[in-house]
Amino acid sequence: MKRVLLFGGSGFLGGHVAATLDGRATVVQAGRRSALRHDLINDDVAKLMALLREVKPDVVVNCTGLLSGCAAELVSANVLTTAYLLDAIGAGATGTRLVVMGSAGEYGVVPAGIPVSEDSPTVPVATYGITKLASTSMISSADLDAVSLRVFNPIGPGVGADTVLGRAAASIRTALRDGRNKILLGPLNSYRDFVDVRDVASAIATVALADEVPHRVLNVGSGHAVLIRDAVKLLAEVAGFTGEISEADPPVHRSGAVTWIAADISRITALGWRPEHDLHASVRALW
């Protein structure tokens, strides 16, 4: 049974990864709030190397990261953490596979109707996507067994309010509690590839435990583009909210310019993975 060192196991994605790996691997969690304490941003590489010597993992999975914040915060959370892990593994744990989370935000604006492959141009439109692309670029050029998973729009149990469906769910919950018949969101006229967080966790486990991963970059999505407005309407139906859904708020800067995107998931399905939850199941679980 492989030994997996997991960073970010207390978060939205990491918690599902830990549950998915349970029984399939020996999982050791490390982080700011874990029993095995380590801060990937603020602790130095020497401390990380000592942690690797102690745990002796076959695989390191990093589910930490930041969706929003100032440029320095995004660089620290999304770029430096990958750099530290590559340095530490390269210095003393060269047989260890590293799996990090990339993002659909690395692609930027893409032609509508054509799912993006891992070889598509990468022209991110905001700092978030730029930092994720920097992380993936380091993974691609590393002289190590390393993989970046470009995760599209994960939804499901525990999704945060820094995502469109997370914001919608929080707004609907507040409106139902307060007896209000209107919620306020940003524009919902773009298309996104929503993928269930449980399927993302399964994809991470597949890559972590595979004997060999032939590609450094893998898309993780449903393979289908969905109008955000339709996804929010479905969430409102599941929640029993019949009020107005206003779109008067400004768009989110990190993705507002992207009007359509869906993942070509051919590479990762060749490893034996494919999504098992449809949008209805994901939205019901989210609510």
Protein backbone atom coordinates (compact mmCIF):
# COMPACT_ATOMS: atom_id res chain seq x y z
CA MET A 1 0.00 0.00 0.00
CA LYS A 2 1.42 3.37 -1.03
CA ARG A 3 2.16 6.07 1.53
CA VAL A 4 0.67 9.47 0.65
CA LEU A 5 1.62 12.75 2.32
CA LEU A 6 -1.38 15.06 1.94
CA PHE A 7 -1.28 18.83 2.39
CA GLY A 8 -4.61 20.66 2.70
CA GLY A 9 -6.59 17.72 4.04
CA SER A 10 -8.79 20.01 6.13
CA GLY A 11 -9.97 21.99 3.10
CA PHE A 12 -12.84 21.61 0.63
CA LEU A 13 -10.91 19.47 -1.84
CA GLY A 14 -8.38 17.89 0.51
CA GLY A 15 -11.04 16.49 2.82
CA HIS A 16 -12.61 14.58 -0.05
CA VAL A 17 -9.18 13.38 -1.19
CA ALA A 18 -8.43 12.00 2.28
CA ALA A 19 -11.78 10.18 2.32
CA THR A 20 -11.24 8.77 -1.17
CA LEU A 21 -7.74 7.50 -0.36
CA ASP A 22 -8.85 5.93 2.93
CA GLY A 23 -8.35 2.19 2.64
CA ARG A 24 -6.51 2.52 -0.66
CA ALA A 25 -3.35 4.11 0.70
CA THR A 26 -1.70 5.05 3.98
CA VAL A 27 -2.50 8.75 4.26
CA VAL A 28 -0.42 11.08 6.42
CA GLN A 29 -1.84 14.59 6.69
CA ALA A 30 0.33 17.64 7.28
CA GLY A 31 -0.64 21.28 7.53
CA ARG A 32 -1.23 24.25 9.76
CA ARG A 33 -4.09 22.55 11.57
CA SER A 34 -2.94 18.93 11.33
CA ALA A 35 -1.37 16.89 14.10
CA LEU A 36 1.74 16.83 11.90
CA ARG A 37 2.21 20.58 11.66
CA HIS A 38 3.78 22.18 8.60
CA ASP A 39 3.13 25.52 6.93
CA LEU A 40 4.01 25.21 3.25
CA ILE A 41 4.13 29.00 2.83
CA ASN A 42 6.07 30.10 5.90
CA ASP A 43 8.20 27.08 6.88
CA ASP A 44 11.53 26.75 5.09
CA VAL A 45 12.68 24.03 2.71
CA ALA A 46 14.96 22.48 5.34
CA LYS A 47 11.95 21.83 7.57
CA LEU A 48 10.04 20.38 4.61
CA MET A 49 12.96 18.08 3.81
CA ALA A 50 12.98 16.89 7.42
CA LEU A 51 9.25 16.16 7.15
CA LEU A 52 9.80 14.12 3.99
CA ARG A 53 12.57 12.13 5.69
CA GLU A 54 10.24 11.43 8.61
CA VAL A 55 7.17 10.40 6.59
CA LYS A 56 8.98 8.72 3.65
CA PRO A 57 6.02 9.14 1.27
CA ASP A 58 5.65 7.47 -2.09
CA VAL A 59 3.45 10.37 -3.18
CA VAL A 60 3.00 13.97 -2.04
CA VAL A 61 -0.38 15.58 -2.85
CA ASN A 62 -0.80 19.32 -2.36
CA CYS A 63 -4.43 20.46 -2.13
CA THR A 64 -3.61 23.85 -0.62
CA GLY A 65 -3.99 27.03 -2.63
CA LEU A 66 -5.76 30.37 -2.87
CA LEU A 67 -8.53 31.48 -5.24
CA SER A 68 -8.53 35.18 -4.40
CA GLY A 69 -6.33 37.73 -2.69
CA CYS A 70 -3.61 40.21 -3.55
CA ALA A 71 -0.87 39.27 -6.01
CA ALA A 72 1.69 38.54 -3.29
CA GLU A 73 -0.74 36.24 -1.46
CA LEU A 74 -1.58 34.35 -4.66
CA VAL A 75 2.09 33.93 -5.56
CA SER A 76 2.90 32.66 -2.08
CA ALA A 77 0.01 30.18 -1.96
CA ASN A 78 0.04 28.95 -5.56
CA VAL A 79 3.63 29.30 -6.79
CA LEU A 80 6.05 29.24 -3.86
CA THR A 81 4.45 26.15 -2.36
CA THR A 82 5.11 24.22 -5.58
CA ALA A 83 8.66 25.55 -5.70
CA TYR A 84 9.33 24.49 -2.10
CA LEU A 85 7.94 20.99 -2.74
CA LEU A 86 9.99 20.55 -5.91
CA ASP A 87 13.16 21.75 -4.14
CA ALA A 88 12.62 19.49 -1.13
CA ILE A 89 11.71 16.39 -3.13
CA GLY A 90 14.54 16.98 -5.58
CA ALA A 91 17.06 17.32 -2.77
CA GLY A 92 16.17 14.26 -0.76
CA ALA A 93 13.15 12.29 -1.97
CA THR A 94 13.67 11.86 -5.69
CA GLY A 95 11.59 8.68 -5.93
CA THR A 96 8.51 10.50 -4.67
CA ARG A 97 5.69 11.54 -7.02
CA LEU A 98 4.37 15.09 -6.57
CA VAL A 99 0.75 15.90 -7.47
CA VAL A 100 -0.37 19.55 -7.39
CA MET A 101 -3.57 21.33 -8.34
CA GLY A 102 -3.60 23.46 -11.46
CA SER A 103 -6.66 25.27 -12.79
CA ALA A 104 -8.83 25.85 -15.84
CA GLY A 105 -7.92 29.50 -15.22
CA GLU A 106 -4.55 28.77 -16.84
CA TYR A 107 -6.19 28.66 -20.29
CA GLY A 108 -7.90 32.06 -20.28
CA VAL A 109 -10.28 32.88 -23.13
CA VAL A 110 -10.86 29.88 -25.43
CA PRO A 111 -12.95 29.33 -28.60
CA ALA A 112 -16.55 28.50 -27.70
CA GLY A 113 -17.71 24.98 -28.43
CA ILE A 114 -14.27 23.33 -28.49
CA PRO A 115 -13.20 21.57 -25.27
CA VAL A 116 -9.67 22.63 -24.34
CA SER A 117 -6.91 20.05 -24.30
CA GLU A 118 -3.77 20.22 -22.21
CA ASP A 119 -1.86 21.36 -25.31
CA SER A 120 -4.16 24.33 -25.92
CA PRO A 121 -2.66 27.83 -25.60
CA THR A 122 -2.43 29.17 -22.05
CA VAL A 123 -3.17 32.91 -21.78
CA PRO A 124 -4.65 33.47 -18.29
CA VAL A 125 -6.70 36.64 -17.82
CA ALA A 126 -6.03 37.30 -14.12
CA THR A 127 -3.39 36.90 -11.44
CA TYR A 128 -4.95 33.70 -10.12
CA GLY A 129 -4.58 31.93 -13.46
CA ILE A 130 -1.08 33.35 -13.94
CA THR A 131 0.06 31.90 -10.62
CA LYS A 132 -1.49 28.52 -11.37
CA LEU A 133 0.20 28.48 -14.78
CA ALA A 134 3.54 29.30 -13.14
CA SER A 135 3.07 26.30 -10.84
CA THR A 136 2.17 24.01 -13.73
CA SER A 137 5.13 25.27 -15.78
CA MET A 138 7.50 24.32 -12.97
CA ILE A 139 5.92 20.88 -12.75
CA SER A 140 6.23 20.42 -16.53
CA SER A 141 9.93 21.25 -16.53
CA ALA A 142 10.92 19.45 -13.31
CA ASP A 143 13.32 16.54 -13.45
CA LEU A 144 11.00 14.59 -11.13
CA ASP A 145 7.87 12.43 -11.22
CA ALA A 146 5.45 15.35 -11.01
CA VAL A 147 1.91 16.02 -12.25
CA SER A 148 -0.31 19.10 -12.34
CA LEU A 149 -4.07 18.49 -12.47
CA ARG A 150 -5.90 21.34 -14.17
CA VAL A 151 -9.13 21.22 -12.17
CA PHE A 152 -12.07 23.02 -13.77
CA ASN A 153 -14.98 24.20 -11.55
CA PRO A 154 -15.32 21.83 -8.58
CA ILE A 155 -18.69 21.81 -6.81
CA GLY A 156 -20.29 19.68 -4.14
CA PRO A 157 -20.40 19.30 -0.37
CA GLY A 158 -18.39 22.01 1.38
CA VAL A 159 -17.87 24.31 -1.61
CA GLY A 160 -16.75 27.79 -0.56
CA ALA A 161 -18.46 31.13 -1.06
CA ASP A 162 -15.54 32.23 -3.26
CA THR A 163 -17.08 30.22 -6.12
CA VAL A 164 -20.21 31.14 -8.07
CA LEU A 165 -22.37 28.24 -6.83
CA GLY A 166 -20.96 28.61 -3.33
CA ARG A 167 -21.98 32.28 -3.33
CA ALA A 168 -25.39 31.39 -4.74
CA ALA A 169 -25.94 28.73 -2.06
CA ALA A 170 -24.94 31.12 0.74
CA SER A 171 -27.20 33.85 -0.65
CA ILE A 172 -30.17 31.49 -1.01
CA ARG A 173 -29.64 30.15 2.51
CA THR A 174 -29.62 33.68 3.92
CA ALA A 175 -32.68 34.69 1.90
CA LEU A 176 -34.66 31.65 3.07
CA ARG A 177 -33.65 32.30 6.67
CA ASP A 178 -34.59 36.00 6.53
CA GLY A 179 -37.73 35.57 4.44
CA ARG A 180 -36.38 37.59 1.51
CA ASN A 181 -37.44 36.91 -2.09
CA LYS A 182 -34.37 38.19 -3.93
CA ILE A 183 -30.68 37.32 -4.12
CA LEU A 184 -27.92 39.34 -5.79
CA LEU A 185 -25.18 37.70 -7.87
CA GLY A 186 -22.88 38.70 -10.71
CA PRO A 187 -23.51 37.96 -14.41
CA LEU A 188 -24.52 34.34 -15.02
CA ASN A 189 -24.38 34.27 -18.82
CA SER A 190 -21.09 32.39 -19.15
CA TYR A 191 -20.54 28.65 -19.52
CA ARG A 192 -18.42 26.61 -17.12
CA ASP A 193 -17.37 22.97 -16.75
CA PHE A 194 -18.69 22.02 -13.31
CA VAL A 195 -17.15 18.85 -11.92
CA ASP A 196 -18.17 17.14 -8.69
CA VAL A 197 -15.55 17.48 -5.96
CA ARG A 198 -15.90 13.76 -5.24
CA ASP A 199 -14.95 13.04 -8.86
CA VAL A 200 -11.98 15.42 -8.55
CA ALA A 201 -10.87 13.55 -5.44
CA SER A 202 -11.18 10.28 -7.35
CA ALA A 203 -9.07 11.71 -10.16
CA ILE A 204 -6.38 12.78 -7.69
CA ALA A 205 -6.37 9.31 -6.14
CA THR A 206 -6.11 7.72 -9.59
CA VAL A 207 -3.07 9.82 -10.47
CA ALA A 208 -1.48 9.45 -7.03
CA LEU A 209 -1.73 5.66 -7.04
CA ALA A 210 -1.07 4.91 -10.72
CA ASP A 211 2.04 2.89 -11.45
CA GLU A 212 2.94 5.36 -14.18
CA VAL A 213 1.51 8.69 -15.35
CA PRO A 214 2.64 9.40 -18.92
CA HIS A 215 1.72 13.11 -18.92
CA ARG A 216 2.78 16.01 -16.68
CA VAL A 217 -0.49 17.95 -17.13
CA LEU A 218 -4.00 16.48 -16.96
CA ASN A 219 -7.39 18.17 -17.21
CA VAL A 220 -9.97 17.21 -14.59
CA GLY A 221 -13.51 18.20 -15.52
CA SER A 222 -16.87 16.82 -16.57
CA GLY A 223 -16.16 17.43 -20.24
CA HIS A 224 -19.35 19.51 -20.62
CA ALA A 225 -20.02 23.26 -20.56
CA VAL A 226 -23.07 24.41 -18.58
CA LEU A 227 -24.65 27.86 -18.57
CA ILE A 228 -24.01 29.23 -15.08
CA ARG A 229 -27.54 30.67 -14.99
CA ASP A 230 -28.97 27.17 -15.49
CA ALA A 231 -26.81 25.77 -12.70
CA VAL A 232 -27.96 28.50 -10.31
CA LYS A 233 -31.60 27.93 -11.29
CA LEU A 234 -31.17 24.24 -10.57
CA LEU A 235 -29.69 25.09 -7.17
CA ALA A 236 -32.64 27.38 -6.42
CA GLU A 237 -35.08 24.58 -7.35
CA VAL A 238 -33.28 22.09 -5.11
CA ALA A 239 -33.28 24.62 -2.27
CA GLY A 240 -36.95 25.54 -2.75
CA PHE A 241 -36.14 29.20 -3.44
CA THR A 242 -38.67 30.82 -5.79
CA GLY A 243 -37.54 34.43 -5.53
CA GLU A 244 -35.69 36.68 -7.96
CA ILE A 245 -32.09 35.95 -8.93
CA SER A 246 -30.59 39.34 -9.79
CA GLU A 247 -27.36 39.52 -11.82
CA ALA A 248 -26.50 43.14 -10.99
CA ASP A 249 -23.26 42.49 -9.10
CA PRO A 250 -19.97 43.00 -10.99
CA PRO A 251 -18.27 39.92 -12.50
CA VAL A 252 -15.50 38.09 -10.64
CA HIS A 253 -12.19 39.44 -11.93
CA ARG A 254 -10.37 36.12 -12.09
CA SER A 255 -12.74 34.66 -14.68
CA GLY A 256 -15.12 37.36 -15.90
CA ALA A 257 -13.56 37.56 -19.37
CA VAL A 258 -14.00 33.83 -20.00
CA THR A 259 -17.45 33.27 -21.51
CA TRP A 260 -17.16 29.54 -22.34
CA ILE A 261 -14.92 26.70 -21.29
CA ALA A 262 -15.05 22.92 -21.06
CA ALA A 263 -12.35 20.31 -20.56
CA ASP A 264 -11.09 17.73 -22.99
CA ILE A 265 -10.58 14.87 -20.51
CA SER A 266 -9.16 12.29 -22.94
CA ARG A 267 -5.78 12.10 -21.20
CA ILE A 268 -7.03 11.31 -17.73
CA THR A 269 -9.76 8.93 -18.87
CA ALA A 270 -6.96 6.90 -20.48
CA LEU A 271 -5.80 6.25 -16.90
CA GLY A 272 -9.15 4.64 -16.09
CA TRP A 273 -10.87 7.65 -14.49
CA ARG A 274 -14.09 9.32 -15.53
CA PRO A 275 -16.64 11.48 -13.68
CA GLU A 276 -19.51 9.59 -12.04
CA HIS A 277 -21.74 12.41 -10.71
CA ASP A 278 -23.95 14.52 -12.97
CA LEU A 279 -24.80 18.17 -12.30
CA HIS A 280 -28.09 17.35 -10.55
CA ALA A 281 -26.36 15.00 -8.12
CA SER A 282 -23.59 17.53 -7.45
CA VAL A 283 -26.03 20.38 -6.80
CA ARG A 284 -28.17 18.25 -4.48
CA ALA A 285 -25.05 17.24 -2.54
CA LEU A 286 -23.87 20.85 -2.44
CA TRP A 287 -27.16 22.02 -0.95
